[in-house]
Amino acid sequence: MNSISKSDIDKIFGKILRDFRIKNGYTQEVMAERLGISIKYISRIENGYSGIKTQTLINYMNILGITPNTIFKDLMTNKDIIKQIEISEKLNQLSEEKLNFVDNMIDLLINFK
């Protein structure tokens, strides 16, 4: 099993959170205010110098619309999990109509005897 260091995890999380913050047009100041944490802590998280509390990570994800797959995909080494994430990412690109169709097809496959 490949072991991932805490430092690597902090850097990956920080980059994703920074990229999404910028994509959403938020400054570090706005994020700090919305999360109820200091700008200094935001900077440390985004630069990978500090770990992030689970509660803060979840709040970040909710504010910025980040899926768990996005946060964790670069940390996964299990091929089955990676395949599931790849399928999930493809599903995220579908229109609501096509997504409903796929959902119905999955239900049919699950119930097929």
PDB file of N, CA and C in Angstrom:
ATOM      1  N   MET A   1       0.845  -1.190   0.000  1.00  0.00           N
ATOM      2  CA  MET A   1       0.000   0.000   0.000  1.00  0.00           C
ATOM      3  C   MET A   1       0.881   1.240   0.000  1.00  0.00           C
ATOM      4  N   ASN A   2       0.559   2.164  -0.859  1.00  0.00           N
ATOM      5  CA  ASN A   2       1.302   3.423  -0.904  1.00  0.00           C
ATOM      6  C   ASN A   2       0.871   4.325   0.243  1.00  0.00           C
ATOM      7  N   SER A   3       1.841   4.824   0.977  1.00  0.00           N
ATOM      8  CA  SER A   3       1.551   5.708   2.090  1.00  0.00           C
ATOM      9  C   SER A   3       1.730   7.154   1.652  1.00  0.00           C
ATOM     10  N   ILE A   4       0.778   7.984   2.004  1.00  0.00           N
ATOM     11  CA  ILE A   4       0.812   9.396   1.638  1.00  0.00           C
ATOM     12  C   ILE A   4       1.089  10.195   2.902  1.00  0.00           C
ATOM     13  N   SER A   5       2.040  11.092   2.815  1.00  0.00           N
ATOM     14  CA  SER A   5       2.421  11.863   4.000  1.00  0.00           C
ATOM     15  C   SER A   5       1.390  12.941   4.313  1.00  0.00           C
ATOM     16  N   LYS A   6       1.353  13.350   5.565  1.00  0.00           N
ATOM     17  CA  LYS A   6       0.480  14.443   5.991  1.00  0.00           C
ATOM     18  C   LYS A   6       0.793  15.706   5.207  1.00  0.00           C
ATOM     19  N   SER A   7       2.070  15.946   4.969  1.00  0.00           N
ATOM     20  CA  SER A   7       2.499  17.122   4.210  1.00  0.00           C
ATOM     21  C   SER A   7       1.927  17.105   2.792  1.00  0.00           C
ATOM     22  N   ASP A   8       1.952  15.925   2.150  1.00  0.00           N
ATOM     23  CA  ASP A   8       1.393  15.801   0.798  1.00  0.00           C
ATOM     24  C   ASP A   8      -0.109  16.064   0.803  1.00  0.00           C
ATOM     25  N   ILE A   9      -0.785  15.521   1.810  1.00  0.00           N
ATOM     26  CA  ILE A   9      -2.232  15.735   1.926  1.00  0.00           C
ATOM     27  C   ILE A   9      -2.531  17.217   2.113  1.00  0.00           C
ATOM     28  N   ASP A  10      -1.801  17.870   3.005  1.00  0.00           N
ATOM     29  CA  ASP A  10      -2.010  19.302   3.245  1.00  0.00           C
ATOM     30  C   ASP A  10      -1.806  20.111   1.971  1.00  0.00           C
ATOM     31  N   LYS A  11      -0.791  19.776   1.188  1.00  0.00           N
ATOM     32  CA  LYS A  11      -0.511  20.509  -0.058  1.00  0.00           C
ATOM     33  C   LYS A  11      -1.610  20.296  -1.091  1.00  0.00           C
ATOM     34  N   ILE A  12      -2.070  19.049  -1.225  1.00  0.00           N
ATOM     35  CA  ILE A  12      -3.138  18.751  -2.193  1.00  0.00           C
ATOM     36  C   ILE A  12      -4.425  19.461  -1.794  1.00  0.00           C
ATOM     37  N   PHE A  13      -4.817  19.337  -0.521  1.00  0.00           N
ATOM     38  CA  PHE A  13      -6.028  20.028  -0.053  1.00  0.00           C
ATOM     39  C   PHE A  13      -5.902  21.529  -0.278  1.00  0.00           C
ATOM     40  N   GLY A  14      -4.763  22.092   0.098  1.00  0.00           N
ATOM     41  CA  GLY A  14      -4.562  23.534  -0.028  1.00  0.00           C
ATOM     42  C   GLY A  14      -4.711  24.022  -1.447  1.00  0.00           C
ATOM     43  N   LYS A  15      -4.119  23.292  -2.399  1.00  0.00           N
ATOM     44  CA  LYS A  15      -4.197  23.701  -3.805  1.00  0.00           C
ATOM     45  C   LYS A  15      -5.642  23.643  -4.310  1.00  0.00           C
ATOM     46  N   ILE A  16      -6.337  22.564  -3.978  1.00  0.00           N
ATOM     47  CA  ILE A  16      -7.731  22.437  -4.415  1.00  0.00           C
ATOM     48  C   ILE A  16      -8.587  23.553  -3.823  1.00  0.00           C
ATOM     49  N   LEU A  17      -8.432  23.800  -2.531  1.00  0.00           N
ATOM     50  CA  LEU A  17      -9.237  24.833  -1.872  1.00  0.00           C
ATOM     51  C   LEU A  17      -8.933  26.216  -2.435  1.00  0.00           C
ATOM     52  N   ARG A  18      -7.657  26.513  -2.685  1.00  0.00           N
ATOM     53  CA  ARG A  18      -7.279  27.807  -3.278  1.00  0.00           C
ATOM     54  C   ARG A  18      -7.867  27.940  -4.676  1.00  0.00           C
ATOM     55  N   ASP A  19      -7.703  26.888  -5.503  1.00  0.00           N
ATOM     56  CA  ASP A  19      -8.209  26.939  -6.881  1.00  0.00           C
ATOM     57  C   ASP A  19      -9.717  27.178  -6.913  1.00  0.00           C
ATOM     58  N   PHE A  20     -10.459  26.477  -6.043  1.00  0.00           N
ATOM     59  CA  PHE A  20     -11.913  26.651  -6.017  1.00  0.00           C
ATOM     60  C   PHE A  20     -12.301  28.022  -5.459  1.00  0.00           C
ATOM     61  N   ARG A  21     -11.555  28.505  -4.478  1.00  0.00           N
ATOM     62  CA  ARG A  21     -11.851  29.841  -3.930  1.00  0.00           C
ATOM     63  C   ARG A  21     -11.712  30.880  -5.025  1.00  0.00           C
ATOM     64  N   ILE A  22     -10.626  30.803  -5.773  1.00  0.00           N
ATOM     65  CA  ILE A  22     -10.387  31.761  -6.863  1.00  0.00           C
ATOM     66  C   ILE A  22     -11.434  31.595  -7.960  1.00  0.00           C
ATOM     67  N   LYS A  23     -11.732  30.354  -8.320  1.00  0.00           N
ATOM     68  CA  LYS A  23     -12.745  30.073  -9.350  1.00  0.00           C
ATOM     69  C   LYS A  23     -14.095  30.670  -8.973  1.00  0.00           C
ATOM     70  N   ASN A  24     -14.410  30.668  -7.673  1.00  0.00           N
ATOM     71  CA  ASN A  24     -15.676  31.220  -7.192  1.00  0.00           C
ATOM     72  C   ASN A  24     -15.626  32.724  -6.953  1.00  0.00           C
ATOM     73  N   GLY A  25     -14.446  33.320  -7.180  1.00  0.00           N
ATOM     74  CA  GLY A  25     -14.316  34.767  -7.059  1.00  0.00           C
ATOM     75  C   GLY A  25     -14.222  35.282  -5.635  1.00  0.00           C
ATOM     76  N   TYR A  26     -13.817  34.422  -4.706  1.00  0.00           N
ATOM     77  CA  TYR A  26     -13.692  34.848  -3.317  1.00  0.00           C
ATOM     78  C   TYR A  26     -12.242  35.199  -2.976  1.00  0.00           C
ATOM     79  N   THR A  27     -12.078  36.214  -2.172  1.00  0.00           N
ATOM     80  CA  THR A  27     -10.759  36.539  -1.629  1.00  0.00           C
ATOM     81  C   THR A  27     -10.545  35.711  -0.368  1.00  0.00           C
ATOM     82  N   GLN A  28      -9.314  35.685   0.107  1.00  0.00           N
ATOM     83  CA  GLN A  28      -9.052  35.010   1.375  1.00  0.00           C
ATOM     84  C   GLN A  28      -9.828  35.687   2.496  1.00  0.00           C
ATOM     85  N   GLU A  29      -9.977  36.990   2.406  1.00  0.00           N
ATOM     86  CA  GLU A  29     -10.710  37.725   3.431  1.00  0.00           C
ATOM     87  C   GLU A  29     -12.166  37.280   3.494  1.00  0.00           C
ATOM     88  N   VAL A  30     -12.793  37.123   2.330  1.00  0.00           N
ATOM     89  CA  VAL A  30     -14.193  36.693   2.282  1.00  0.00           C
ATOM     90  C   VAL A  30     -14.324  35.281   2.841  1.00  0.00           C
ATOM     91  N   MET A  31     -13.411  34.388   2.455  1.00  0.00           N
ATOM     92  CA  MET A  31     -13.467  33.017   2.958  1.00  0.00           C
ATOM     93  C   MET A  31     -13.285  32.984   4.472  1.00  0.00           C
ATOM     94  N   ALA A  32     -12.338  33.766   4.953  1.00  0.00           N
ATOM     95  CA  ALA A  32     -12.102  33.809   6.398  1.00  0.00           C
ATOM     96  C   ALA A  32     -13.373  34.241   7.133  1.00  0.00           C
ATOM     97  N   GLU A  33     -14.037  35.246   6.608  1.00  0.00           N
ATOM     98  CA  GLU A  33     -15.268  35.732   7.224  1.00  0.00           C
ATOM     99  C   GLU A  33     -16.362  34.675   7.169  1.00  0.00           C
ATOM    100  N   ARG A  34     -16.527  34.046   6.013  1.00  0.00           N
ATOM    101  CA  ARG A  34     -17.587  33.035   5.860  1.00  0.00           C
ATOM    102  C   ARG A  34     -17.329  31.799   6.705  1.00  0.00           C
ATOM    103  N   LEU A  35     -16.043  31.457   6.894  1.00  0.00           N
ATOM    104  CA  LEU A  35     -15.687  30.275   7.671  1.00  0.00           C
ATOM    105  C   LEU A  35     -15.506  30.559   9.156  1.00  0.00           C
ATOM    106  N   GLY A  36     -15.392  31.837   9.498  1.00  0.00           N
ATOM    107  CA  GLY A  36     -15.180  32.202  10.889  1.00  0.00           C
ATOM    108  C   GLY A  36     -13.785  31.847  11.387  1.00  0.00           C
ATOM    109  N   ILE A  37     -12.807  31.971  10.487  1.00  0.00           N
ATOM    110  CA  ILE A  37     -11.416  31.704  10.847  1.00  0.00           C
ATOM    111  C   ILE A  37     -10.556  32.870  10.362  1.00  0.00           C
ATOM    112  N   SER A  38      -9.304  32.888  10.763  1.00  0.00           N
ATOM    113  CA  SER A  38      -8.437  34.013  10.409  1.00  0.00           C
ATOM    114  C   SER A  38      -7.918  33.902   8.972  1.00  0.00           C
ATOM    115  N   ILE A  39      -7.590  35.046   8.402  1.00  0.00           N
ATOM    116  CA  ILE A  39      -6.982  35.089   7.072  1.00  0.00           C
ATOM    117  C   ILE A  39      -5.647  34.351   7.101  1.00  0.00           C
ATOM    118  N   LYS A  40      -4.928  34.477   8.194  1.00  0.00           N
ATOM    119  CA  LYS A  40      -3.637  33.798   8.332  1.00  0.00           C
ATOM    120  C   LYS A  40      -3.822  32.281   8.234  1.00  0.00           C
ATOM    121  N   TYR A  41      -4.865  31.757   8.868  1.00  0.00           N
ATOM    122  CA  TYR A  41      -5.132  30.321   8.805  1.00  0.00           C
ATOM    123  C   TYR A  41      -5.505  29.908   7.378  1.00  0.00           C
ATOM    124  N   ILE A  42      -6.314  30.720   6.701  1.00  0.00           N
ATOM    125  CA  ILE A  42      -6.659  30.454   5.298  1.00  0.00           C
ATOM    126  C   ILE A  42      -5.382  30.357   4.466  1.00  0.00           C
ATOM    127  N   SER A  43      -4.493  31.311   4.634  1.00  0.00           N
ATOM    128  CA  SER A  43      -3.235  31.327   3.893  1.00  0.00           C
ATOM    129  C   SER A  43      -2.404  30.080   4.181  1.00  0.00           C
ATOM    130  N   ARG A  44      -2.324  29.699   5.441  1.00  0.00           N
ATOM    131  CA  ARG A  44      -1.543  28.510   5.817  1.00  0.00           C
ATOM    132  C   ARG A  44      -2.148  27.238   5.222  1.00  0.00           C
ATOM    133  N   ILE A  45      -3.467  27.147   5.231  1.00  0.00           N
ATOM    134  CA  ILE A  45      -4.139  25.981   4.632  1.00  0.00           C
ATOM    135  C   ILE A  45      -3.847  25.932   3.135  1.00  0.00           C
ATOM    136  N   GLU A  46      -4.078  27.042   2.445  1.00  0.00           N
ATOM    137  CA  GLU A  46      -3.961  27.074   0.990  1.00  0.00           C
ATOM    138  C   GLU A  46      -2.530  26.880   0.503  1.00  0.00           C
ATOM    139  N   ASN A  47      -1.569  27.206   1.338  1.00  0.00           N
ATOM    140  CA  ASN A  47      -0.168  27.012   0.960  1.00  0.00           C
ATOM    141  C   ASN A  47       0.379  25.671   1.449  1.00  0.00           C
ATOM    142  N   GLY A  48      -0.470  24.861   2.073  1.00  0.00           N
ATOM    143  CA  GLY A  48      -0.076  23.531   2.507  1.00  0.00           C
ATOM    144  C   GLY A  48       0.798  23.509   3.733  1.00  0.00           C
ATOM    145  N   TYR A  49       0.820  24.625   4.492  1.00  0.00           N
ATOM    146  CA  TYR A  49       1.653  24.702   5.693  1.00  0.00           C
ATOM    147  C   TYR A  49       0.920  24.280   6.947  1.00  0.00           C
ATOM    148  N   SER A  50      -0.384  24.075   6.832  1.00  0.00           N
ATOM    149  CA  SER A  50      -1.179  23.733   8.008  1.00  0.00           C
ATOM    150  C   SER A  50      -2.226  22.719   7.609  1.00  0.00           C
ATOM    151  N   GLY A  51      -2.480  21.770   8.499  1.00  0.00           N
ATOM    152  CA  GLY A  51      -3.580  20.849   8.277  1.00  0.00           C
ATOM    153  C   GLY A  51      -4.900  21.598   8.437  1.00  0.00           C
ATOM    154  N   ILE A  52      -5.962  20.952   8.054  1.00  0.00           N
ATOM    155  CA  ILE A  52      -7.272  21.590   8.143  1.00  0.00           C
ATOM    156  C   ILE A  52      -8.183  20.719   9.003  1.00  0.00           C
ATOM    157  N   LYS A  53      -8.910  21.361   9.898  1.00  0.00           N
ATOM    158  CA  LYS A  53      -9.863  20.643  10.731  1.00  0.00           C
ATOM    159  C   LYS A  53     -10.988  20.115   9.842  1.00  0.00           C
ATOM    160  N   THR A  54     -11.516  18.971  10.204  1.00  0.00           N
ATOM    161  CA  THR A  54     -12.583  18.346   9.419  1.00  0.00           C
ATOM    162  C   THR A  54     -13.768  19.297   9.246  1.00  0.00           C
ATOM    163  N   GLN A  55     -14.178  19.954  10.310  1.00  0.00           N
ATOM    164  CA  GLN A  55     -15.310  20.883  10.245  1.00  0.00           C
ATOM    165  C   GLN A  55     -15.025  22.006   9.252  1.00  0.00           C
ATOM    166  N   THR A  56     -13.814  22.542   9.285  1.00  0.00           N
ATOM    167  CA  THR A  56     -13.445  23.620   8.367  1.00  0.00           C
ATOM    168  C   THR A  56     -13.433  23.113   6.931  1.00  0.00           C
ATOM    169  N   LEU A  57     -12.913  21.912   6.712  1.00  0.00           N
ATOM    170  CA  LEU A  57     -12.890  21.332   5.368  1.00  0.00           C
ATOM    171  C   LEU A  57     -14.299  21.172   4.826  1.00  0.00           C
ATOM    172  N   ILE A  58     -15.197  20.636   5.635  1.00  0.00           N
ATOM    173  CA  ILE A  58     -16.583  20.445   5.190  1.00  0.00           C
ATOM    174  C   ILE A  58     -17.250  21.786   4.894  1.00  0.00           C
ATOM    175  N   ASN A  59     -17.017  22.779   5.744  1.00  0.00           N
ATOM    176  CA  ASN A  59     -17.590  24.104   5.497  1.00  0.00           C
ATOM    177  C   ASN A  59     -17.032  24.707   4.198  1.00  0.00           C
ATOM    178  N   TYR A  60     -15.737  24.574   3.987  1.00  0.00           N
ATOM    179  CA  TYR A  60     -15.106  25.026   2.733  1.00  0.00           C
ATOM    180  C   TYR A  60     -15.813  24.372   1.543  1.00  0.00           C
ATOM    181  N   MET A  61     -15.971  23.040   1.611  1.00  0.00           N
ATOM    182  CA  MET A  61     -16.576  22.293   0.517  1.00  0.00           C
ATOM    183  C   MET A  61     -18.004  22.760   0.244  1.00  0.00           C
ATOM    184  N   ASN A  62     -18.769  22.997   1.296  1.00  0.00           N
ATOM    185  CA  ASN A  62     -20.146  23.458   1.120  1.00  0.00           C
ATOM    186  C   ASN A  62     -20.200  24.860   0.523  1.00  0.00           C
ATOM    187  N   ILE A  63     -19.346  25.746   0.984  1.00  0.00           N
ATOM    188  CA  ILE A  63     -19.341  27.117   0.476  1.00  0.00           C
ATOM    189  C   ILE A  63     -18.926  27.158  -0.988  1.00  0.00           C
ATOM    190  N   LEU A  64     -17.913  26.374  -1.345  1.00  0.00           N
ATOM    191  CA  LEU A  64     -17.344  26.443  -2.691  1.00  0.00           C
ATOM    192  C   LEU A  64     -17.901  25.391  -3.658  1.00  0.00           C
ATOM    193  N   GLY A  65     -18.769  24.507  -3.180  1.00  0.00           N
ATOM    194  CA  GLY A  65     -19.359  23.488  -4.052  1.00  0.00           C
ATOM    195  C   GLY A  65     -18.359  22.423  -4.493  1.00  0.00           C
ATOM    196  N   ILE A  66     -17.523  21.977  -3.572  1.00  0.00           N
ATOM    197  CA  ILE A  66     -16.506  20.975  -3.881  1.00  0.00           C
ATOM    198  C   ILE A  66     -17.021  19.605  -3.456  1.00  0.00           C
ATOM    199  N   THR A  67     -16.986  18.635  -4.360  1.00  0.00           N
ATOM    200  CA  THR A  67     -17.428  17.288  -4.014  1.00  0.00           C
ATOM    201  C   THR A  67     -16.319  16.542  -3.268  1.00  0.00           C
ATOM    202  N   PRO A  68     -16.705  15.566  -2.452  1.00  0.00           N
ATOM    203  CA  PRO A  68     -15.678  14.748  -1.784  1.00  0.00           C
ATOM    204  C   PRO A  68     -14.716  14.098  -2.780  1.00  0.00           C
ATOM    205  N   ASN A  69     -15.243  13.667  -3.926  1.00  0.00           N
ATOM    206  CA  ASN A  69     -14.360  13.064  -4.930  1.00  0.00           C
ATOM    207  C   ASN A  69     -13.271  14.027  -5.373  1.00  0.00           C
ATOM    208  N   THR A  70     -13.603  15.284  -5.527  1.00  0.00           N
ATOM    209  CA  THR A  70     -12.621  16.278  -5.944  1.00  0.00           C
ATOM    210  C   THR A  70     -11.528  16.424  -4.903  1.00  0.00           C
ATOM    211  N   ILE A  71     -11.910  16.440  -3.650  1.00  0.00           N
ATOM    212  CA  ILE A  71     -10.936  16.605  -2.572  1.00  0.00           C
ATOM    213  C   ILE A  71     -10.006  15.403  -2.459  1.00  0.00           C
ATOM    214  N   PHE A  72     -10.570  14.213  -2.584  1.00  0.00           N
ATOM    215  CA  PHE A  72      -9.798  13.013  -2.260  1.00  0.00           C
ATOM    216  C   PHE A  72      -9.219  12.269  -3.464  1.00  0.00           C
ATOM    217  N   LYS A  73      -9.634  12.600  -4.684  1.00  0.00           N
ATOM    218  CA  LYS A  73      -9.241  11.766  -5.828  1.00  0.00           C
ATOM    219  C   LYS A  73      -7.731  11.659  -6.020  1.00  0.00           C
ATOM    220  N   ASP A  74      -6.983  12.719  -5.792  1.00  0.00           N
ATOM    221  CA  ASP A  74      -5.535  12.669  -5.988  1.00  0.00           C
ATOM    222  C   ASP A  74      -4.814  11.898  -4.883  1.00  0.00           C
ATOM    223  N   LEU A  75      -5.533  11.512  -3.850  1.00  0.00           N
ATOM    224  CA  LEU A  75      -4.940  10.771  -2.736  1.00  0.00           C
ATOM    225  C   LEU A  75      -5.224   9.272  -2.813  1.00  0.00           C
ATOM    226  N   MET A  76      -6.120   8.878  -3.708  1.00  0.00           N
ATOM    227  CA  MET A  76      -6.531   7.481  -3.784  1.00  0.00           C
ATOM    228  C   MET A  76      -5.543   6.651  -4.607  1.00  0.00           C
ATOM    229  N   THR A  77      -5.255   5.453  -4.111  1.00  0.00           N
ATOM    230  CA  THR A  77      -4.407   4.518  -4.841  1.00  0.00           C
ATOM    231  C   THR A  77      -5.146   3.222  -5.177  1.00  0.00           C
ATOM    232  N   ASN A  78      -6.288   2.981  -4.526  1.00  0.00           N
ATOM    233  CA  ASN A  78      -7.080   1.796  -4.784  1.00  0.00           C
ATOM    234  C   ASN A  78      -7.755   1.934  -6.148  1.00  0.00           C
ATOM    235  N   LYS A  79      -7.467   0.991  -7.051  1.00  0.00           N
ATOM    236  CA  LYS A  79      -7.959   1.086  -8.432  1.00  0.00           C
ATOM    237  C   LYS A  79      -9.479   1.076  -8.525  1.00  0.00           C
ATOM    238  N   ASP A  80     -10.145   0.329  -7.653  1.00  0.00           N
ATOM    239  CA  ASP A  80     -11.608   0.300  -7.672  1.00  0.00           C
ATOM    240  C   ASP A  80     -12.196   1.653  -7.287  1.00  0.00           C
ATOM    241  N   ILE A  81     -11.600   2.275  -6.287  1.00  0.00           N
ATOM    242  CA  ILE A  81     -12.070   3.598  -5.865  1.00  0.00           C
ATOM    243  C   ILE A  81     -11.802   4.624  -6.969  1.00  0.00           C
ATOM    244  N   ILE A  82     -10.640   4.557  -7.577  1.00  0.00           N
ATOM    245  CA  ILE A  82     -10.297   5.480  -8.670  1.00  0.00           C
ATOM    246  C   ILE A  82     -11.299   5.335  -9.812  1.00  0.00           C
ATOM    247  N   LYS A  83     -11.669   4.112 -10.161  1.00  0.00           N
ATOM    248  CA  LYS A  83     -12.646   3.879 -11.233  1.00  0.00           C
ATOM    249  C   LYS A  83     -14.000   4.483 -10.858  1.00  0.00           C
ATOM    250  N   GLN A  84     -14.421   4.317  -9.609  1.00  0.00           N
ATOM    251  CA  GLN A  84     -15.690   4.888  -9.167  1.00  0.00           C
ATOM    252  C   GLN A  84     -15.665   6.409  -9.249  1.00  0.00           C
ATOM    253  N   ILE A  85     -14.541   7.008  -8.900  1.00  0.00           N
ATOM    254  CA  ILE A  85     -14.407   8.461  -8.982  1.00  0.00           C
ATOM    255  C   ILE A  85     -14.473   8.913 -10.437  1.00  0.00           C
ATOM    256  N   GLU A  86     -13.816   8.186 -11.328  1.00  0.00           N
ATOM    257  CA  GLU A  86     -13.836   8.535 -12.752  1.00  0.00           C
ATOM    258  C   GLU A  86     -15.263   8.479 -13.297  1.00  0.00           C
ATOM    259  N   ILE A  87     -16.018   7.454 -12.911  1.00  0.00           N
ATOM    260  CA  ILE A  87     -17.412   7.347 -13.344  1.00  0.00           C
ATOM    261  C   ILE A  87     -18.230   8.509 -12.783  1.00  0.00           C
ATOM    262  N   SER A  88     -18.015   8.828 -11.522  1.00  0.00           N
ATOM    263  CA  SER A  88     -18.723   9.937 -10.886  1.00  0.00           C
ATOM    264  C   SER A  88     -18.432  11.254 -11.599  1.00  0.00           C
ATOM    265  N   GLU A  89     -17.183  11.463 -11.984  1.00  0.00           N
ATOM    266  CA  GLU A  89     -16.822  12.696 -12.691  1.00  0.00           C
ATOM    267  C   GLU A  89     -17.506  12.774 -14.055  1.00  0.00           C
ATOM    268  N   LYS A  90     -17.640  11.646 -14.721  1.00  0.00           N
ATOM    269  CA  LYS A  90     -18.356  11.620 -16.000  1.00  0.00           C
ATOM    270  C   LYS A  90     -19.830  11.953 -15.785  1.00  0.00           C
ATOM    271  N   LEU A  91     -20.404  11.396 -14.731  1.00  0.00           N
ATOM    272  CA  LEU A  91     -21.809  11.671 -14.428  1.00  0.00           C
ATOM    273  C   LEU A  91     -22.039  13.155 -14.158  1.00  0.00           C
ATOM    274  N   ASN A  92     -21.082  13.797 -13.514  1.00  0.00           N
ATOM    275  CA  ASN A  92     -21.209  15.226 -13.203  1.00  0.00           C
ATOM    276  C   ASN A  92     -21.278  16.088 -14.453  1.00  0.00           C
ATOM    277  N   GLN A  93     -20.857  15.559 -15.591  1.00  0.00           N
ATOM    278  CA  GLN A  93     -20.858  16.320 -16.833  1.00  0.00           C
ATOM    279  C   GLN A  93     -22.174  16.190 -17.601  1.00  0.00           C
ATOM    280  N   LEU A  94     -23.056  15.300 -17.156  1.00  0.00           N
ATOM    281  CA  LEU A  94     -24.297  15.050 -17.871  1.00  0.00           C
ATOM    282  C   LEU A  94     -25.380  16.058 -17.497  1.00  0.00           C
ATOM    283  N   SER A  95     -26.267  16.281 -18.454  1.00  0.00           N
ATOM    284  CA  SER A  95     -27.444  17.108 -18.182  1.00  0.00           C
ATOM    285  C   SER A  95     -28.352  16.351 -17.215  1.00  0.00           C
ATOM    286  N   GLU A  96     -29.289  17.057 -16.624  1.00  0.00           N
ATOM    287  CA  GLU A  96     -30.208  16.420 -15.677  1.00  0.00           C
ATOM    288  C   GLU A  96     -31.004  15.307 -16.360  1.00  0.00           C
ATOM    289  N   GLU A  97     -31.408  15.546 -17.597  1.00  0.00           N
ATOM    290  CA  GLU A  97     -32.179  14.541 -18.342  1.00  0.00           C
ATOM    291  C   GLU A  97     -31.357  13.263 -18.556  1.00  0.00           C
ATOM    292  N   LYS A  98     -30.112  13.426 -18.982  1.00  0.00           N
ATOM    293  CA  LYS A  98     -29.251  12.265 -19.207  1.00  0.00           C
ATOM    294  C   LYS A  98     -28.899  11.581 -17.888  1.00  0.00           C
ATOM    295  N   LEU A  99     -28.733  12.353 -16.844  1.00  0.00           N
ATOM    296  CA  LEU A  99     -28.436  11.781 -15.535  1.00  0.00           C
ATOM    297  C   LEU A  99     -29.607  10.934 -15.040  1.00  0.00           C
ATOM    298  N   ASN A 100     -30.829  11.413 -15.245  1.00  0.00           N
ATOM    299  CA  ASN A 100     -32.010  10.633 -14.874  1.00  0.00           C
ATOM    300  C   ASN A 100     -32.075   9.335 -15.670  1.00  0.00           C
ATOM    301  N   PHE A 101     -31.725   9.398 -16.956  1.00  0.00           N
ATOM    302  CA  PHE A 101     -31.711   8.199 -17.792  1.00  0.00           C
ATOM    303  C   PHE A 101     -30.703   7.184 -17.243  1.00  0.00           C
ATOM    304  N   VAL A 102     -29.499   7.642 -16.925  1.00  0.00           N
ATOM    305  CA  VAL A 102     -28.463   6.751 -16.385  1.00  0.00           C
ATOM    306  C   VAL A 102     -28.924   6.168 -15.054  1.00  0.00           C
ATOM    307  N   ASP A 103     -29.528   6.977 -14.221  1.00  0.00           N
ATOM    308  CA  ASP A 103     -30.025   6.514 -12.927  1.00  0.00           C
ATOM    309  C   ASP A 103     -31.043   5.395 -13.123  1.00  0.00           C
ATOM    310  N   ASN A 104     -31.958   5.571 -14.080  1.00  0.00           N
ATOM    311  CA  ASN A 104     -32.953   4.534 -14.366  1.00  0.00           C
ATOM    312  C   ASN A 104     -32.292   3.265 -14.901  1.00  0.00           C
ATOM    313  N   MET A 105     -31.272   3.417 -15.740  1.00  0.00           N
ATOM    314  CA  MET A 105     -30.557   2.254 -16.267  1.00  0.00           C
ATOM    315  C   MET A 105     -29.844   1.496 -15.138  1.00  0.00           C
ATOM    316  N   ILE A 106     -29.258   2.213 -14.228  1.00  0.00           N
ATOM    317  CA  ILE A 106     -28.593   1.570 -13.088  1.00  0.00           C
ATOM    318  C   ILE A 106     -29.607   0.790 -12.258  1.00  0.00           C
ATOM    319  N   ASP A 107     -30.772   1.399 -12.014  1.00  0.00           N
ATOM    320  CA  ASP A 107     -31.829   0.696 -11.278  1.00  0.00           C
ATOM    321  C   ASP A 107     -32.217  -0.593 -11.989  1.00  0.00           C
ATOM    322  N   LEU A 108     -32.339  -0.533 -13.318  1.00  0.00           N
ATOM    323  CA  LEU A 108     -32.669  -1.738 -14.089  1.00  0.00           C
ATOM    324  C   LEU A 108     -31.589  -2.811 -13.934  1.00  0.00           C
ATOM    325  N   LEU A 109     -30.341  -2.419 -14.015  1.00  0.00           N
ATOM    326  CA  LEU A 109     -29.237  -3.370 -13.885  1.00  0.00           C
ATOM    327  C   LEU A 109     -29.177  -3.986 -12.496  1.00  0.00           C
ATOM    328  N   ILE A 110     -29.421  -3.180 -11.477  1.00  0.00           N
ATOM    329  CA  ILE A 110     -29.407  -3.682 -10.097  1.00  0.00           C
ATOM    330  C   ILE A 110     -30.527  -4.705  -9.887  1.00  0.00           C
ATOM    331  N   ASN A 111     -31.680  -4.440 -10.460  1.00  0.00           N
ATOM    332  CA  ASN A 111     -32.851  -5.302 -10.260  1.00  0.00           C
ATOM    333  C   ASN A 111     -32.937  -6.430 -11.271  1.00  0.00           C
ATOM    334  N   PHE A 112     -32.042  -6.479 -12.259  1.00  0.00           N
ATOM    335  CA  PHE A 112     -32.063  -7.516 -13.303  1.00  0.00           C
ATOM    336  C   PHE A 112     -31.657  -8.859 -12.695  1.00  0.00           C
ATOM    337  N   LYS A 113     -32.449  -9.875 -12.976  1.00  0.00           N
ATOM    338  CA  LYS A 113     -32.154 -11.198 -12.408  1.00  0.00           C
ATOM    339  C   LYS A 113     -31.872 -12.189 -13.473  1.00  0.00           C
TER     340      LYS A 113
END
